[in-house]
Amino acid sequence: MGVLSFFFFVFLVSQVGFGQQTTDPKEVDALNKLIDYWNLRDRLNITDDPCIQNATWANEIANPRVACDCGGNTCHITHLKIYALDISGEIPSELFVLKDLMDLNLGQNVLNGSIPAEIEQLSNMQYLSLGINNFTGPVPQELGNLTKLIILSFSSNNFVGSLPTSLGKLTSLQELYIDSSGVSGPIPQELANLKSLQILWASDNQFTGKLPDFFGTLTELRTLRLQGTLLEGPIPNSFSALNKLEDLRIGDLSGEDSSLEFLQNQKTLSILILRNCLLSGKIPDQLGEFSKLQELDLSFNKLTGQIPESFQDLVSLQYLYLGSNNLNGQLPANILGPNIIAIDVSFNPLSGSLPQNFAKAGLSMNVVGTSIDANNLQDKKASGMLQCLQADFKCSNKVPSKSFSVKCGGTGQTSASGVEYEGDFESMGSASLYTSSENLWAVSNTGNFISNPNGPQYIAQTGSQITGTLDSELYKTARISPSSLRYYGLGLKNGIYSVELHFAEIGMVDSHSWKGLGRRIFDVYIQGERVLKDFNIKEAAGGSKKALIKTLEANVTNTIMDIHFFWAGKGTCCIPYQSTYGPLVSAIHVSRASDAAGSSKGDKKRIGKLIGISVACVAGLVIISSVFYLWWIKEDSPKHKRIYTDSPRK
């Protein structure tokens, strides 16, 4: 029996020995080098085999996370997550030793350099996230060799050049996130092979050429976002085949006009945003059959005709934006459905009365720039003044104003230079108009932050000190908007005005963290003329929480001034948190400089006396100007340069 017991013991030991699973030593060595390279030892201090059972770092919610597949006697690392931990530096070659990786998440860090071509060695990869980093250089063609990919993200980076045509080989791809990645040029025709694609985020890139017709063949698409690009219309009729769409956002197209004819069977849509797309023609009645629509935005287009009566059947609709079109007639009597939160029909030649239930609780409504009788919605005097925004409405004022000053998003205060800024702290909704107590100015907001975790907020604020100014408090609050923010000077004396726009970026941070990688970009129009294009406060001021003043000029000819802050789909959307984008302004100061129509008789006499002196000075001025010009052309002028183009409201 003793001999039998001994042999049985030896058998058990041998079985245990054979059953032990260890990780490939090369992978263990590579992983440890990665941990040290990215200074993660205090978070991921692996002293044993990284693939031991029940390791804390293998849990799905662990971060950093390392998980393995131990199907055979040798374990292999298959999952690596280092998410939002501010790791920096370039991608080291040790990463490509982990050839069994299926899931790699390096998102929301500050990694830089180019993505190495060796990434093609990770041929088992199914989920790859490189979004929100500082990667540069071209997107490598070798990504197209990762043919098992299901999800790919490299959004919010600083890549250059075109999308590689090799991405067309990723025929298993279901989700592609490339928004704000820096890529440019035409969208490759090879992407037509991505027949499994369900989600495509591609906004805020320098794409050129026509909006691709082949998108209409990607019939599995549920979400498509293409805003803030250089793409040209029209929207192809092939898009009518996209019957599974739930979220469609296209914006800021140039070139040919588009129509809404492609909207036929997309009845699963809950969000439809076709803003600033050169849409023309009428709104089709069949849109009223899209019963799942929660948000419909057709603003800043050239739509004509009447608002369809069928809109009363949009029972799920919460937000309706039809502003800045050429819609006429009256509002449908029952346009305000049971779930409506906001409706904007501003800047349309609409007439008639407000809908019967316009006073329902929680509803915000904007009808400025129309002929709709809005006396029950806003102050009667203000309504009369705001009618001056209509092109064919001539205005005058017996006691005209010559200035107005607004502390946007905060209480009133007096600046160090003695300017009295009136407070603008009214709580506004997604389609709101507020008029100051003395009817000197008004403010309107259009749009909603769809994914804001803090709910509907249209004021930003900070407790931090603002540098570069004696008026730090003036910049600690600001109005923000996801779409369109307008300030109106009311009852002004006609003439030339100086317009001071005060900015400080208080929603985005200066940091070596990924939280400092956000870019807020918007346009500014004054009196319908674009005066600031692709304006980035943080970049112009040299950092966040730094005061910046832009001084511009405007001509008032009909007693009213229109200052329009407009989001054209550009900039990051979600850094440092969801829905961080769109216009922001801290304060406005407008003061009269001169008459617009010419000088008075007294002015002419003074001018006559000055002519002789002026002629005597011409020679000297020519010499000085020549020297100044030679200096100026060598420098990048920091002064504003007007860009003569149409306002998007046209």
Foldseek 3Di string as FASTA:
>chain_A
DVVVVVVVVVVVVVVVVQQAAAADPLLVVLVVVVCVLQVPCVPDVDPDGLADPPDPQCDPPHAQHWYWDRPDSYIATAEGAHEQPQGEEEDDPSVLVRLNHAAYHPEFYAYEEADDLSVLSNLNHAHEEQDLYAYEEANDLSVLSNQNHAEYEHALYQYEEADHLSVLSNQNYAEYHHANHAYEEAHDPSVLSNLNYAYYAHEFYAYEEADDLSVLNNQNHAEDAYFHYAHADDDDLSVLSNQNHAAYAHFDHDDDAYEPNSPDRNLNYQYAHYEHRQYEEEDDLCVLVSQNHAEDAHELYAYEEADHLSLLSNQNYAYAHHALYAYEEEDRQNNDHPRYQEYEHAQYQYEEEDHPPCVDPNHAYAHQNYHYPCVVPDPPVLNVQSVLVHPPDFAAAPDFDFKAKAQAQAAWDAFPVGDTHHYDNDDADQFHKDADPVRQKIKTAHHAQPPDPVGGDFKAADPDAAPDGPCRVLARMKGWYPFKMKMKGTRHDWAKKKKKFKYFAPPAADDSGSLNSWWAFWWKDKPFFTFGHRDTRQVLQVHGSYMDIAIDMDTDDRRMIMIMIGHRRHIDAAGPHHRPYGDITRMMIMGHDGHHVDDDPVVVVVVVVCPVVVVVCVVVVVVVVVVVVVVVVVDDDSHTDTDGDGHSSD
